[in-house]
């Protein structure tokens, strides 16, 4: 399921930890505070669990929006975009 992961974290250290959590679970950064990826429900649950341990619930915000494929295709993206094939795991990525 395509999942948007959006955050506003005040503490640099906690922000770095949250970024690592998102990347570890298969999300790709599409903007500074926005990640997106095609992940399963159990990965979403794991991200929620791990994020709760990192953020300050009184100062920080984390939004996780799972979106079905039909609704994702209805999204409007204007201006510079991200590599949608990579985010949807349809294009292999090679790291050197």
PDB file of N, CA and C in Angstrom:
ATOM      1  N   UNK A   1       0.843  -1.171   0.000  1.00  0.00           N
ATOM      2  CA  UNK A   1       0.000   0.000   0.000  1.00  0.00           C
ATOM      3  C   UNK A   1       0.893   1.242   0.000  1.00  0.00           C
ATOM      4  N   UNK A   2       0.593   2.184  -0.869  1.00  0.00           N
ATOM      5  CA  UNK A   2       1.352   3.433  -0.894  1.00  0.00           C
ATOM      6  C   UNK A   2       1.095   4.173   0.415  1.00  0.00           C
ATOM      7  N   UNK A   3       2.170   4.610   1.054  1.00  0.00           N
ATOM      8  CA  UNK A   3       2.047   5.244   2.361  1.00  0.00           C
ATOM      9  C   UNK A   3       2.846   6.533   2.408  1.00  0.00           C
ATOM     10  N   UNK A   4       2.172   7.617   2.760  1.00  0.00           N
ATOM     11  CA  UNK A   4       2.814   8.916   2.975  1.00  0.00           C
ATOM     12  C   UNK A   4       3.215   8.998   4.441  1.00  0.00           C
ATOM     13  N   UNK A   5       4.435   9.434   4.707  1.00  0.00           N
ATOM     14  CA  UNK A   5       4.968   9.596   6.063  1.00  0.00           C
ATOM     15  C   UNK A   5       5.494  11.023   6.154  1.00  0.00           C
ATOM     16  N   UNK A   6       4.829  11.841   6.952  1.00  0.00           N
ATOM     17  CA  UNK A   6       5.120  13.275   7.010  1.00  0.00           C
ATOM     18  C   UNK A   6       5.418  13.636   8.460  1.00  0.00           C
ATOM     19  N   UNK A   7       6.447  14.444   8.675  1.00  0.00           N
ATOM     20  CA  UNK A   7       6.801  14.762  10.057  1.00  0.00           C
ATOM     21  C   UNK A   7       7.245  16.211  10.218  1.00  0.00           C
ATOM     22  N   UNK A   8       7.140  16.684  11.452  1.00  0.00           N
ATOM     23  CA  UNK A   8       7.679  17.973  11.872  1.00  0.00           C
ATOM     24  C   UNK A   8       8.275  17.726  13.257  1.00  0.00           C
ATOM     25  N   UNK A   9       9.585  17.586  13.317  1.00  0.00           N
ATOM     26  CA  UNK A   9      10.295  17.217  14.543  1.00  0.00           C
ATOM     27  C   UNK A   9      11.222  18.359  14.941  1.00  0.00           C
ATOM     28  N   UNK A  10      11.145  18.796  16.187  1.00  0.00           N
ATOM     29  CA  UNK A  10      11.942  19.943  16.634  1.00  0.00           C
ATOM     30  C   UNK A  10      13.393  19.579  16.939  1.00  0.00           C
ATOM     31  N   UNK A  11      13.639  18.415  17.493  1.00  0.00           N
ATOM     32  CA  UNK A  11      14.976  18.006  17.919  1.00  0.00           C
ATOM     33  C   UNK A  11      15.736  17.321  16.775  1.00  0.00           C
ATOM     34  N   UNK A  12      16.940  17.805  16.480  1.00  0.00           N
ATOM     35  CA  UNK A  12      17.737  17.253  15.374  1.00  0.00           C
ATOM     36  C   UNK A  12      18.015  15.761  15.549  1.00  0.00           C
ATOM     37  N   UNK A  13      18.368  15.365  16.754  1.00  0.00           N
ATOM     38  CA  UNK A  13      18.701  13.957  17.004  1.00  0.00           C
ATOM     39  C   UNK A  13      17.475  13.062  16.777  1.00  0.00           C
ATOM     40  N   UNK A  14      16.345  13.478  17.307  1.00  0.00           N
ATOM     41  CA  UNK A  14      15.114  12.700  17.110  1.00  0.00           C
ATOM     42  C   UNK A  14      14.694  12.681  15.646  1.00  0.00           C
ATOM     43  N   UNK A  15      14.905  13.796  14.951  1.00  0.00           N
ATOM     44  CA  UNK A  15      14.589  13.854  13.523  1.00  0.00           C
ATOM     45  C   UNK A  15      15.443  12.844  12.757  1.00  0.00           C
ATOM     46  N   UNK A  16      16.725  12.783  13.070  1.00  0.00           N
ATOM     47  CA  UNK A  16      17.623  11.823  12.408  1.00  0.00           C
ATOM     48  C   UNK A  16      17.184  10.391  12.676  1.00  0.00           C
ATOM     49  N   UNK A  17      16.778  10.123  13.889  1.00  0.00           N
ATOM     50  CA  UNK A  17      16.298   8.776  14.232  1.00  0.00           C
ATOM     51  C   UNK A  17      15.035   8.428  13.442  1.00  0.00           C
ATOM     52  N   UNK A  18      14.140   9.386  13.328  1.00  0.00           N
ATOM     53  CA  UNK A  18      12.895   9.157  12.602  1.00  0.00           C
ATOM     54  C   UNK A  18      13.160   8.908  11.114  1.00  0.00           C
ATOM     55  N   UNK A  19      14.091   9.648  10.550  1.00  0.00           N
ATOM     56  CA  UNK A  19      14.470   9.449   9.147  1.00  0.00           C
ATOM     57  C   UNK A  19      14.991   8.033   8.941  1.00  0.00           C
ATOM     58  N   UNK A  20      15.829   7.564   9.855  1.00  0.00           N
ATOM     59  CA  UNK A  20      16.370   6.200   9.754  1.00  0.00           C
ATOM     60  C   UNK A  20      15.264   5.156   9.849  1.00  0.00           C
ATOM     61  N   UNK A  21      14.288   5.404  10.707  1.00  0.00           N
ATOM     62  CA  UNK A  21      13.149   4.483  10.826  1.00  0.00           C
ATOM     63  C   UNK A  21      12.401   4.407   9.495  1.00  0.00           C
ATOM     64  N   UNK A  22      12.107   5.551   8.912  1.00  0.00           N
ATOM     65  CA  UNK A  22      11.378   5.580   7.636  1.00  0.00           C
ATOM     66  C   UNK A  22      12.147   4.832   6.550  1.00  0.00           C
ATOM     67  N   UNK A  23      13.437   5.102   6.441  1.00  0.00           N
ATOM     68  CA  UNK A  23      14.250   4.462   5.408  1.00  0.00           C
ATOM     69  C   UNK A  23      14.387   2.963   5.649  1.00  0.00           C
ATOM     70  N   UNK A  24      14.543   2.576   6.899  1.00  0.00           N
ATOM     71  CA  UNK A  24      14.698   1.157   7.246  1.00  0.00           C
ATOM     72  C   UNK A  24      13.479   0.345   6.813  1.00  0.00           C
ATOM     73  N   UNK A  25      12.325   0.968   6.837  1.00  0.00           N
ATOM     74  CA  UNK A  25      11.088   0.257   6.505  1.00  0.00           C
ATOM     75  C   UNK A  25      10.657   0.450   5.052  1.00  0.00           C
ATOM     76  N   UNK A  26      11.554   0.941   4.216  1.00  0.00           N
ATOM     77  CA  UNK A  26      11.282   0.978   2.783  1.00  0.00           C
ATOM     78  C   UNK A  26      10.641   2.236   2.248  1.00  0.00           C
ATOM     79  N   UNK A  27      10.664   3.310   3.029  1.00  0.00           N
ATOM     80  CA  UNK A  27      10.121   4.573   2.539  1.00  0.00           C
ATOM     81  C   UNK A  27      11.228   5.402   1.901  1.00  0.00           C
ATOM     82  N   UNK A  28      10.874   6.193   0.908  1.00  0.00           N
ATOM     83  CA  UNK A  28      11.819   7.030   0.169  1.00  0.00           C
ATOM     84  C   UNK A  28      11.506   8.497   0.418  1.00  0.00           C
ATOM     85  N   UNK A  29      12.553   9.273   0.621  1.00  0.00           N
ATOM     86  CA  UNK A  29      12.359  10.708   0.856  1.00  0.00           C
ATOM     87  C   UNK A  29      11.965  11.379  -0.459  1.00  0.00           C
ATOM     88  N   UNK A  30      10.837  12.089  -0.441  1.00  0.00           N
ATOM     89  CA  UNK A  30      10.384  12.815  -1.626  1.00  0.00           C
ATOM     90  C   UNK A  30      10.439  14.325  -1.414  1.00  0.00           C
ATOM     91  N   UNK A  31      10.511  14.762  -0.166  1.00  0.00           N
ATOM     92  CA  UNK A  31      10.761  16.154   0.206  1.00  0.00           C
ATOM     93  C   UNK A  31      11.453  16.127   1.565  1.00  0.00           C
ATOM     94  N   UNK A  32      11.857  17.291   2.070  1.00  0.00           N
ATOM     95  CA  UNK A  32      12.611  17.317   3.326  1.00  0.00           C
ATOM     96  C   UNK A  32      11.932  16.570   4.463  1.00  0.00           C
ATOM     97  N   UNK A  33      10.670  16.766   4.652  1.00  0.00           N
ATOM     98  CA  UNK A  33       9.955  16.141   5.770  1.00  0.00           C
ATOM     99  C   UNK A  33       8.878  15.174   5.307  1.00  0.00           C
ATOM    100  N   UNK A  34       9.045  14.636   4.103  1.00  0.00           N
ATOM    101  CA  UNK A  34       8.022  13.753   3.533  1.00  0.00           C
ATOM    102  C   UNK A  34       8.680  12.517   2.924  1.00  0.00           C
ATOM    103  N   UNK A  35       8.172  11.360   3.328  1.00  0.00           N
ATOM    104  CA  UNK A  35       8.604  10.092   2.754  1.00  0.00           C
ATOM    105  C   UNK A  35       7.391   9.415   2.134  1.00  0.00           C
ATOM    106  N   UNK A  36       7.655   8.528   1.179  1.00  0.00           N
ATOM    107  CA  UNK A  36       6.591   7.802   0.498  1.00  0.00           C
ATOM    108  C   UNK A  36       7.125   6.441   0.104  1.00  0.00           C
ATOM    109  N   UNK A  37       6.283   5.435   0.192  1.00  0.00           N
ATOM    110  CA  UNK A  37       6.718   4.114  -0.233  1.00  0.00           C
ATOM    111  C   UNK A  37       5.565   3.137  -0.320  1.00  0.00           C
ATOM    112  N   UNK A  38       5.837   2.041  -0.996  1.00  0.00           N
ATOM    113  CA  UNK A  38       4.867   0.971  -1.159  1.00  0.00           C
ATOM    114  C   UNK A  38       5.192  -0.100  -0.123  1.00  0.00           C
ATOM    115  N   UNK A  39       4.513  -0.048   1.024  1.00  0.00           N
ATOM    116  CA  UNK A  39       4.824  -0.958   2.123  1.00  0.00           C
ATOM    117  C   UNK A  39       3.560  -1.653   2.614  1.00  0.00           C
ATOM    118  N   UNK A  40       3.763  -2.747   3.331  1.00  0.00           N
ATOM    119  CA  UNK A  40       2.653  -3.542   3.852  1.00  0.00           C
ATOM    120  C   UNK A  40       2.179  -3.005   5.201  1.00  0.00           C
ATOM    121  N   UNK A  41       1.008  -3.451   5.618  1.00  0.00           N
ATOM    122  CA  UNK A  41       0.397  -3.014   6.883  1.00  0.00           C
ATOM    123  C   UNK A  41       1.307  -3.278   8.079  1.00  0.00           C
ATOM    124  N   UNK A  42       1.981  -4.433   8.106  1.00  0.00           N
ATOM    125  CA  UNK A  42       2.851  -4.735   9.246  1.00  0.00           C
ATOM    126  C   UNK A  42       4.025  -3.764   9.334  1.00  0.00           C
ATOM    127  N   UNK A  43       4.509  -3.279   8.185  1.00  0.00           N
ATOM    128  CA  UNK A  43       5.577  -2.268   8.189  1.00  0.00           C
ATOM    129  C   UNK A  43       5.049  -0.950   8.748  1.00  0.00           C
ATOM    130  N   UNK A  44       3.830  -0.586   8.373  1.00  0.00           N
ATOM    131  CA  UNK A  44       3.212   0.638   8.896  1.00  0.00           C
ATOM    132  C   UNK A  44       3.087   0.544  10.416  1.00  0.00           C
ATOM    133  N   UNK A  45       2.614  -0.590  10.900  1.00  0.00           N
ATOM    134  CA  UNK A  45       2.472  -0.788  12.346  1.00  0.00           C
ATOM    135  C   UNK A  45       3.819  -0.669  13.054  1.00  0.00           C
ATOM    136  N   UNK A  46       4.849  -1.211  12.447  1.00  0.00           N
ATOM    137  CA  UNK A  46       6.194  -1.157  13.020  1.00  0.00           C
ATOM    138  C   UNK A  46       6.705   0.287  13.055  1.00  0.00           C
ATOM    139  N   UNK A  47       6.468   1.029  11.986  1.00  0.00           N
ATOM    140  CA  UNK A  47       6.876   2.443  11.933  1.00  0.00           C
ATOM    141  C   UNK A  47       6.180   3.234  13.042  1.00  0.00           C
ATOM    142  N   UNK A  48       4.903   2.996  13.232  1.00  0.00           N
ATOM    143  CA  UNK A  48       4.154   3.687  14.289  1.00  0.00           C
ATOM    144  C   UNK A  48       4.756   3.367  15.653  1.00  0.00           C
ATOM    145  N   UNK A  49       4.997   2.099  15.896  1.00  0.00           N
ATOM    146  CA  UNK A  49       5.553   1.656  17.178  1.00  0.00           C
ATOM    147  C   UNK A  49       6.913   2.305  17.444  1.00  0.00           C
ATOM    148  N   UNK A  50       7.790   2.280  16.452  1.00  0.00           N
ATOM    149  CA  UNK A  50       9.133   2.840  16.616  1.00  0.00           C
ATOM    150  C   UNK A  50       9.105   4.364  16.713  1.00  0.00           C
ATOM    151  N   UNK A  51       8.218   4.998  15.965  1.00  0.00           N
ATOM    152  CA  UNK A  51       8.124   6.464  15.988  1.00  0.00           C
ATOM    153  C   UNK A  51       7.679   6.970  17.355  1.00  0.00           C
ATOM    154  N   UNK A  52       6.763   6.263  17.989  1.00  0.00           N
ATOM    155  CA  UNK A  52       6.282   6.660  19.314  1.00  0.00           C
ATOM    156  C   UNK A  52       7.408   6.708  20.340  1.00  0.00           C
ATOM    157  N   UNK A  53       8.422   5.874  20.149  1.00  0.00           N
ATOM    158  CA  UNK A  53       9.555   5.833  21.076  1.00  0.00           C
ATOM    159  C   UNK A  53      10.525   6.991  20.857  1.00  0.00           C
ATOM    160  N   UNK A  54      10.457   7.619  19.692  1.00  0.00           N
ATOM    161  CA  UNK A  54      11.433   8.640  19.304  1.00  0.00           C
ATOM    162  C   UNK A  54      10.909  10.059  19.481  1.00  0.00           C
ATOM    163  N   UNK A  55       9.658  10.288  19.166  1.00  0.00           N
ATOM    164  CA  UNK A  55       9.166  11.670  19.120  1.00  0.00           C
ATOM    165  C   UNK A  55       8.726  12.173  20.495  1.00  0.00           C
ATOM    166  N   UNK A  56       8.683  13.477  20.618  1.00  0.00           N
ATOM    167  CA  UNK A  56       8.132  14.148  21.790  1.00  0.00           C
ATOM    168  C   UNK A  56       6.670  14.451  21.461  1.00  0.00           C
ATOM    169  N   UNK A  57       5.766  13.752  22.102  1.00  0.00           N
ATOM    170  CA  UNK A  57       4.344  13.865  21.764  1.00  0.00           C
ATOM    171  C   UNK A  57       3.763  15.254  22.029  1.00  0.00           C
ATOM    172  N   UNK A  58       4.456  16.075  22.802  1.00  0.00           N
ATOM    173  CA  UNK A  58       3.965  17.425  23.099  1.00  0.00           C
ATOM    174  C   UNK A  58       4.494  18.472  22.124  1.00  0.00           C
ATOM    175  N   UNK A  59       5.547  18.143  21.389  1.00  0.00           N
ATOM    176  CA  UNK A  59       6.169  19.127  20.495  1.00  0.00           C
ATOM    177  C   UNK A  59       6.202  18.709  19.033  1.00  0.00           C
ATOM    178  N   UNK A  60       6.208  17.419  18.776  1.00  0.00           N
ATOM    179  CA  UNK A  60       6.433  16.910  17.423  1.00  0.00           C
ATOM    180  C   UNK A  60       5.141  16.414  16.782  1.00  0.00           C
ATOM    181  N   UNK A  61       5.195  16.274  15.453  1.00  0.00           N
ATOM    182  CA  UNK A  61       4.062  15.742  14.693  1.00  0.00           C
ATOM    183  C   UNK A  61       4.554  14.700  13.703  1.00  0.00           C
ATOM    184  N   UNK A  62       3.824  13.603  13.613  1.00  0.00           N
ATOM    185  CA  UNK A  62       4.069  12.580  12.600  1.00  0.00           C
ATOM    186  C   UNK A  62       2.708  12.192  12.033  1.00  0.00           C
ATOM    187  N   UNK A  63       2.594  12.229  10.713  1.00  0.00           N
ATOM    188  CA  UNK A  63       1.354  11.839  10.035  1.00  0.00           C
ATOM    189  C   UNK A  63       1.671  10.684   9.096  1.00  0.00           C
ATOM    190  N   UNK A  64       0.898   9.628   9.190  1.00  0.00           N
ATOM    191  CA  UNK A  64       1.081   8.455   8.339  1.00  0.00           C
ATOM    192  C   UNK A  64      -0.240   8.212   7.619  1.00  0.00           C
ATOM    193  N   UNK A  65      -0.184   8.302   6.286  1.00  0.00           N
ATOM    194  CA  UNK A  65      -1.388   8.163   5.470  1.00  0.00           C
ATOM    195  C   UNK A  65      -1.240   6.993   4.505  1.00  0.00           C
ATOM    196  N   UNK A  66      -1.806   5.827   4.810  1.00  0.00           N
ATOM    197  CA  UNK A  66      -1.848   4.752   3.821  1.00  0.00           C
ATOM    198  C   UNK A  66      -2.891   5.102   2.760  1.00  0.00           C
ATOM    199  N   UNK A  67      -2.559   4.874   1.504  1.00  0.00           N
ATOM    200  CA  UNK A  67      -3.452   5.227   0.398  1.00  0.00           C
ATOM    201  C   UNK A  67      -3.546   4.034  -0.552  1.00  0.00           C
ATOM    202  N   UNK A  68      -4.756   3.646  -0.896  1.00  0.00           N
ATOM    203  CA  UNK A  68      -4.914   2.545  -1.844  1.00  0.00           C
ATOM    204  C   UNK A  68      -4.418   2.986  -3.229  1.00  0.00           C
ATOM    205  N   UNK A  69      -4.101   2.021  -4.054  1.00  0.00           N
ATOM    206  CA  UNK A  69      -3.550   2.292  -5.389  1.00  0.00           C
ATOM    207  C   UNK A  69      -4.489   3.170  -6.223  1.00  0.00           C
ATOM    208  N   UNK A  70      -5.786   2.915  -6.122  1.00  0.00           N
ATOM    209  CA  UNK A  70      -6.766   3.697  -6.884  1.00  0.00           C
ATOM    210  C   UNK A  70      -6.707   5.170  -6.511  1.00  0.00           C
ATOM    211  N   UNK A  71      -6.702   5.454  -5.213  1.00  0.00           N
ATOM    212  CA  UNK A  71      -6.659   6.847  -4.770  1.00  0.00           C
ATOM    213  C   UNK A  71      -5.294   7.480  -5.034  1.00  0.00           C
ATOM    214  N   UNK A  72      -4.227   6.697  -4.901  1.00  0.00           N
ATOM    215  CA  UNK A  72      -2.892   7.226  -5.181  1.00  0.00           C
ATOM    216  C   UNK A  72      -2.802   7.711  -6.631  1.00  0.00           C
ATOM    217  N   UNK A  73      -3.401   6.956  -7.546  1.00  0.00           N
ATOM    218  CA  UNK A  73      -3.368   7.332  -8.964  1.00  0.00           C
ATOM    219  C   UNK A  73      -4.146   8.618  -9.241  1.00  0.00           C
ATOM    220  N   UNK A  74      -5.028   9.007  -8.334  1.00  0.00           N
ATOM    221  CA  UNK A  74      -5.804  10.237  -8.490  1.00  0.00           C
ATOM    222  C   UNK A  74      -5.044  11.469  -7.998  1.00  0.00           C
ATOM    223  N   UNK A  75      -3.908  11.264  -7.363  1.00  0.00           N
ATOM    224  CA  UNK A  75      -3.143  12.385  -6.799  1.00  0.00           C
ATOM    225  C   UNK A  75      -2.655  13.318  -7.904  1.00  0.00           C
ATOM    226  N   UNK A  76      -2.589  14.582  -7.586  1.00  0.00           N
ATOM    227  CA  UNK A  76      -2.061  15.587  -8.502  1.00  0.00           C
ATOM    228  C   UNK A  76      -0.710  16.041  -7.980  1.00  0.00           C
ATOM    229  N   UNK A  77       0.318  15.908  -8.793  1.00  0.00           N
ATOM    230  CA  UNK A  77       1.670  16.322  -8.430  1.00  0.00           C
ATOM    231  C   UNK A  77       2.081  17.444  -9.371  1.00  0.00           C
ATOM    232  N   UNK A  78       2.369  18.608  -8.832  1.00  0.00           N
ATOM    233  CA  UNK A  78       2.735  19.770  -9.635  1.00  0.00           C
ATOM    234  C   UNK A  78       4.201  20.123  -9.410  1.00  0.00           C
ATOM    235  N   UNK A  79       4.836  20.626 -10.430  1.00  0.00           N
ATOM    236  CA  UNK A  79       6.230  21.057 -10.296  1.00  0.00           C
ATOM    237  C   UNK A  79       7.182  19.878 -10.262  1.00  0.00           C
ATOM    238  N   UNK A  80       8.318  20.088  -9.620  1.00  0.00           N
ATOM    239  CA  UNK A  80       9.314  19.030  -9.519  1.00  0.00           C
ATOM    240  C   UNK A  80       8.729  17.848  -8.774  1.00  0.00           C
ATOM    241  N   UNK A  81       8.964  16.681  -9.280  1.00  0.00           N
ATOM    242  CA  UNK A  81       8.409  15.486  -8.673  1.00  0.00           C
ATOM    243  C   UNK A  81       9.529  14.530  -8.291  1.00  0.00           C
ATOM    244  N   UNK A  82       9.168  13.390  -7.788  1.00  0.00           N
ATOM    245  CA  UNK A  82      10.107  12.344  -7.403  1.00  0.00           C
ATOM    246  C   UNK A  82      10.037  11.221  -8.422  1.00  0.00           C
ATOM    247  N   UNK A  83      10.977  10.286  -8.318  1.00  0.00           N
ATOM    248  CA  UNK A  83      10.985   9.142  -9.236  1.00  0.00           C
ATOM    249  C   UNK A  83       9.931   8.140  -8.779  1.00  0.00           C
ATOM    250  N   UNK A  84       8.764   8.249  -9.355  1.00  0.00           N
ATOM    251  CA  UNK A  84       7.629   7.435  -8.931  1.00  0.00           C
ATOM    252  C   UNK A  84       7.896   5.942  -9.081  1.00  0.00           C
ATOM    253  N   UNK A  85       8.619   5.535 -10.114  1.00  0.00           N
ATOM    254  CA  UNK A  85       8.915   4.116 -10.320  1.00  0.00           C
ATOM    255  C   UNK A  85       9.717   3.541  -9.162  1.00  0.00           C
ATOM    256  N   UNK A  86      10.642   4.332  -8.624  1.00  0.00           N
ATOM    257  CA  UNK A  86      11.457   3.866  -7.501  1.00  0.00           C
ATOM    258  C   UNK A  86      10.598   3.759  -6.249  1.00  0.00           C
ATOM    259  N   UNK A  87       9.806   4.775  -5.977  1.00  0.00           N
ATOM    260  CA  UNK A  87       8.959   4.796  -4.779  1.00  0.00           C
ATOM    261  C   UNK A  87       7.976   3.630  -4.786  1.00  0.00           C
ATOM    262  N   UNK A  88       7.452   3.293  -5.958  1.00  0.00           N
ATOM    263  CA  UNK A  88       6.480   2.205  -6.066  1.00  0.00           C
ATOM    264  C   UNK A  88       7.158   0.840  -6.196  1.00  0.00           C
ATOM    265  N   UNK A  89       8.487   0.807  -6.074  1.00  0.00           N
ATOM    266  CA  UNK A  89       9.267  -0.428  -6.196  1.00  0.00           C
ATOM    267  C   UNK A  89       9.079  -1.104  -7.548  1.00  0.00           C
ATOM    268  N   UNK A  90       8.924  -0.301  -8.603  1.00  0.00           N
ATOM    269  CA  UNK A  90       8.771  -0.837  -9.953  1.00  0.00           C
ATOM    270  C   UNK A  90      10.051  -0.700 -10.763  1.00  0.00           C
ATOM    271  N   UNK A  91      11.038   0.002 -10.229  1.00  0.00           N
ATOM    272  CA  UNK A  91      12.284   0.233 -10.945  1.00  0.00           C
ATOM    273  C   UNK A  91      13.436  -0.167 -10.029  1.00  0.00           C
ATOM    274  N   UNK A  92      14.309  -1.060 -10.485  1.00  0.00           N
ATOM    275  CA  UNK A  92      15.432  -1.451  -9.629  1.00  0.00           C
ATOM    276  C   UNK A  92      16.396  -0.284  -9.420  1.00  0.00           C
ATOM    277  N   UNK A  93      16.953  -0.219  -8.223  1.00  0.00           N
ATOM    278  CA  UNK A  93      17.900   0.832  -7.882  1.00  0.00           C
ATOM    279  C   UNK A  93      19.233   0.182  -7.570  1.00  0.00           C
ATOM    280  N   UNK A  94      20.284   0.674  -8.196  1.00  0.00           N
ATOM    281  CA  UNK A  94      21.626   0.154  -7.947  1.00  0.00           C
ATOM    282  C   UNK A  94      22.413   1.157  -7.134  1.00  0.00           C
ATOM    283  N   UNK A  95      23.043   0.687  -6.071  1.00  0.00           N
ATOM    284  CA  UNK A  95      23.889   1.541  -5.243  1.00  0.00           C
ATOM    285  C   UNK A  95      25.327   1.098  -5.421  1.00  0.00           C
ATOM    286  N   UNK A  96      26.230   2.061  -5.581  1.00  0.00           N
ATOM    287  CA  UNK A  96      27.647   1.750  -5.760  1.00  0.00           C
ATOM    288  C   UNK A  96      28.443   2.255  -4.590  1.00  0.00           C
TER     289      UNK A  96
END
